[in-house]
Amino acid sequence: MTVSRLLNDGVDRALPAVERGVPGSSIDTVLGFFLATLGGALLLGAPVGLLEPGRRFDAVLVDTTSRRGSLRVYPELDTPERVLEKIVRLASPPDVLVVWVDGRRVIGG
């Protein structure tokens, strides 16, 4: 997502701003998350990317109310999309309660 924004804005300071970048090339967090999960699974034909029977279960449970990590969510201000972006960009180990890989709990109680 960050690189797509750099591509959109351009990074060559020697060029005038209107000549830099590739307009329309940036993606948001929701699309980036889709591409990294279900989008990739669909492309590869892999049984992952959705929470449904017959698919492999890899998941992370993030505590959005923890004060131990750097993640801060404000329910009165943050939209669900913004919360997802904060989790993707800011969540750190203290915010993670449980991790499952292939249906097995590997971290957390």
C-alpha atoms as a PDB file:
ATOM      1  CA  MET A   1       0.000   0.000   0.000  1.00  0.00           C
ATOM      2  CA  THR A   2       2.807   2.374   0.858  1.00  0.00           C
ATOM      3  CA  VAL A   3       4.695   1.610  -2.337  1.00  0.00           C
ATOM      4  CA  SER A   4       1.520   2.090  -4.386  1.00  0.00           C
ATOM      5  CA  ARG A   5       1.171   5.544  -2.848  1.00  0.00           C
ATOM      6  CA  LEU A   6       4.783   6.337  -3.720  1.00  0.00           C
ATOM      7  CA  LEU A   7       4.127   5.217  -7.281  1.00  0.00           C
ATOM      8  CA  ASN A   8       1.029   7.399  -7.388  1.00  0.00           C
ATOM      9  CA  ASP A   9       2.818  10.515  -6.097  1.00  0.00           C
ATOM     10  CA  GLY A  10       6.201   9.923  -7.693  1.00  0.00           C
ATOM     11  CA  VAL A  11       9.557  10.292  -5.991  1.00  0.00           C
ATOM     12  CA  ASP A  12      11.719  12.056  -8.545  1.00  0.00           C
ATOM     13  CA  ARG A  13      12.180  15.521  -7.017  1.00  0.00           C
ATOM     14  CA  ALA A  14      13.942  16.656 -10.186  1.00  0.00           C
ATOM     15  CA  LEU A  15      10.581  16.571 -11.999  1.00  0.00           C
ATOM     16  CA  PRO A  16       7.767  19.072 -11.457  1.00  0.00           C
ATOM     17  CA  ALA A  17       4.970  17.600  -9.294  1.00  0.00           C
ATOM     18  CA  VAL A  18       2.543  17.416 -12.221  1.00  0.00           C
ATOM     19  CA  GLU A  19       4.979  15.197 -14.164  1.00  0.00           C
ATOM     20  CA  ARG A  20       5.753  12.776 -11.315  1.00  0.00           C
ATOM     21  CA  GLY A  21       4.127   9.495 -10.509  1.00  0.00           C
ATOM     22  CA  VAL A  22       1.411   7.369 -12.039  1.00  0.00           C
ATOM     23  CA  PRO A  23      -1.954   8.908 -11.114  1.00  0.00           C
ATOM     24  CA  GLY A  24      -4.550   6.425  -9.912  1.00  0.00           C
ATOM     25  CA  SER A  25      -2.052   3.721  -8.969  1.00  0.00           C
ATOM     26  CA  SER A  26      -2.425   3.857  -5.176  1.00  0.00           C
ATOM     27  CA  ILE A  27      -4.532   1.278  -3.355  1.00  0.00           C
ATOM     28  CA  ASP A  28      -6.211   1.571   0.028  1.00  0.00           C
ATOM     29  CA  THR A  29      -5.858  -0.765   2.996  1.00  0.00           C
ATOM     30  CA  VAL A  30      -9.075  -2.653   2.291  1.00  0.00           C
ATOM     31  CA  LEU A  31      -7.980  -3.528  -1.264  1.00  0.00           C
ATOM     32  CA  GLY A  32      -4.450  -4.328  -0.072  1.00  0.00           C
ATOM     33  CA  PHE A  33      -5.815  -6.676   2.597  1.00  0.00           C
ATOM     34  CA  PHE A  34      -8.092  -8.364   0.050  1.00  0.00           C
ATOM     35  CA  LEU A  35      -5.200  -8.851  -2.368  1.00  0.00           C
ATOM     36  CA  ALA A  36      -3.035 -10.298   0.416  1.00  0.00           C
ATOM     37  CA  THR A  37      -5.722 -12.747   1.563  1.00  0.00           C
ATOM     38  CA  LEU A  38      -8.649 -13.833  -0.587  1.00  0.00           C
ATOM     39  CA  GLY A  39      -7.344 -12.232  -3.789  1.00  0.00           C
ATOM     40  CA  GLY A  40      -4.141 -14.240  -3.644  1.00  0.00           C
ATOM     41  CA  ALA A  41      -6.017 -17.395  -2.658  1.00  0.00           C
ATOM     42  CA  LEU A  42      -8.360 -17.065  -5.628  1.00  0.00           C
ATOM     43  CA  LEU A  43      -5.459 -16.502  -8.000  1.00  0.00           C
ATOM     44  CA  LEU A  44      -3.609 -19.547  -6.698  1.00  0.00           C
ATOM     45  CA  GLY A  45      -6.663 -21.742  -6.195  1.00  0.00           C
ATOM     46  CA  ALA A  46      -5.647 -22.197  -2.558  1.00  0.00           C
ATOM     47  CA  PRO A  47      -8.253 -23.084   0.110  1.00  0.00           C
ATOM     48  CA  VAL A  48      -7.530 -20.016   2.263  1.00  0.00           C
ATOM     49  CA  GLY A  49      -8.620 -16.392   2.510  1.00  0.00           C
ATOM     50  CA  LEU A  50     -12.162 -16.829   3.848  1.00  0.00           C
ATOM     51  CA  LEU A  51     -13.690 -18.035   7.085  1.00  0.00           C
ATOM     52  CA  GLU A  52     -15.802 -20.905   5.757  1.00  0.00           C
ATOM     53  CA  PRO A  53     -15.866 -24.717   5.920  1.00  0.00           C
ATOM     54  CA  GLY A  54     -13.235 -26.431   3.801  1.00  0.00           C
ATOM     55  CA  ARG A  55     -10.712 -23.599   3.984  1.00  0.00           C
ATOM     56  CA  ARG A  56      -7.531 -23.568   6.040  1.00  0.00           C
ATOM     57  CA  PHE A  57      -7.722 -21.396   9.131  1.00  0.00           C
ATOM     58  CA  ASP A  58      -4.885 -18.928   9.649  1.00  0.00           C
ATOM     59  CA  ALA A  59      -5.877 -15.996  11.829  1.00  0.00           C
ATOM     60  CA  VAL A  60      -4.660 -13.412  14.310  1.00  0.00           C
ATOM     61  CA  LEU A  61      -6.793 -12.100  17.174  1.00  0.00           C
ATOM     62  CA  VAL A  62      -5.851  -8.482  17.856  1.00  0.00           C
ATOM     63  CA  ASP A  63      -6.884  -6.683  21.039  1.00  0.00           C
ATOM     64  CA  THR A  64      -7.861  -3.200  19.875  1.00  0.00           C
ATOM     65  CA  THR A  65      -8.336  -2.054  23.477  1.00  0.00           C
ATOM     66  CA  SER A  66      -4.868  -2.992  24.737  1.00  0.00           C
ATOM     67  CA  ARG A  67      -2.707  -0.172  26.035  1.00  0.00           C
ATOM     68  CA  ARG A  68       0.493  -2.242  25.972  1.00  0.00           C
ATOM     69  CA  GLY A  69       1.180  -1.803  22.246  1.00  0.00           C
ATOM     70  CA  SER A  70       1.073   1.153  19.884  1.00  0.00           C
ATOM     71  CA  LEU A  71      -2.411   0.495  18.460  1.00  0.00           C
ATOM     72  CA  ARG A  72      -5.079   3.010  19.517  1.00  0.00           C
ATOM     73  CA  VAL A  73      -8.665   2.753  18.303  1.00  0.00           C
ATOM     74  CA  TYR A  74     -11.266   5.414  19.004  1.00  0.00           C
ATOM     75  CA  PRO A  75     -14.734   3.914  18.347  1.00  0.00           C
ATOM     76  CA  GLU A  76     -16.364   7.334  18.178  1.00  0.00           C
ATOM     77  CA  LEU A  77     -13.939   8.488  15.456  1.00  0.00           C
ATOM     78  CA  ASP A  78     -12.621   5.440  13.589  1.00  0.00           C
ATOM     79  CA  THR A  79     -14.575   3.751  10.802  1.00  0.00           C
ATOM     80  CA  PRO A  80     -14.194  -0.020  10.363  1.00  0.00           C
ATOM     81  CA  GLU A  81     -11.890   0.659   7.393  1.00  0.00           C
ATOM     82  CA  ARG A  82      -9.718   2.942   9.517  1.00  0.00           C
ATOM     83  CA  VAL A  83      -9.555   0.314  12.293  1.00  0.00           C
ATOM     84  CA  LEU A  84      -8.361  -2.252   9.730  1.00  0.00           C
ATOM     85  CA  GLU A  85      -5.701   0.184   8.518  1.00  0.00           C
ATOM     86  CA  LYS A  86      -4.535   0.797  12.080  1.00  0.00           C
ATOM     87  CA  ILE A  87      -4.333  -2.947  12.753  1.00  0.00           C
ATOM     88  CA  VAL A  88      -2.392  -3.602   9.531  1.00  0.00           C
ATOM     89  CA  ARG A  89       0.032  -0.725  10.052  1.00  0.00           C
ATOM     90  CA  LEU A  90       0.345  -0.363  13.832  1.00  0.00           C
ATOM     91  CA  ALA A  91      -0.419  -3.632  15.620  1.00  0.00           C
ATOM     92  CA  SER A  92       2.597  -5.061  17.405  1.00  0.00           C
ATOM     93  CA  PRO A  93       3.175  -8.238  19.470  1.00  0.00           C
ATOM     94  CA  PRO A  94       1.636  -6.785  22.656  1.00  0.00           C
ATOM     95  CA  ASP A  95      -1.641  -6.263  20.739  1.00  0.00           C
ATOM     96  CA  VAL A  96      -1.828  -9.893  19.541  1.00  0.00           C
ATOM     97  CA  LEU A  97      -3.764 -12.233  21.834  1.00  0.00           C
ATOM     98  CA  VAL A  98      -3.965 -15.434  19.790  1.00  0.00           C
ATOM     99  CA  VAL A  99      -2.511 -16.752  16.515  1.00  0.00           C
ATOM    100  CA  TRP A 100      -3.837 -19.784  14.647  1.00  0.00           C
ATOM    101  CA  VAL A 101      -1.961 -21.512  11.821  1.00  0.00           C
ATOM    102  CA  ASP A 102      -3.755 -24.198   9.837  1.00  0.00           C
ATOM    103  CA  GLY A 103      -6.407 -24.381  12.553  1.00  0.00           C
ATOM    104  CA  ARG A 104      -3.953 -24.880  15.401  1.00  0.00           C
ATOM    105  CA  ARG A 105      -3.454 -22.273  18.099  1.00  0.00           C
ATOM    106  CA  VAL A 106       0.272 -21.527  18.091  1.00  0.00           C
ATOM    107  CA  ILE A 107       0.345 -18.381  20.251  1.00  0.00           C
ATOM    108  CA  GLY A 108      -1.938 -17.354  23.095  1.00  0.00           C
ATOM    109  CA  GLY A 109      -4.103 -19.085  25.600  1.00  0.00           C
END
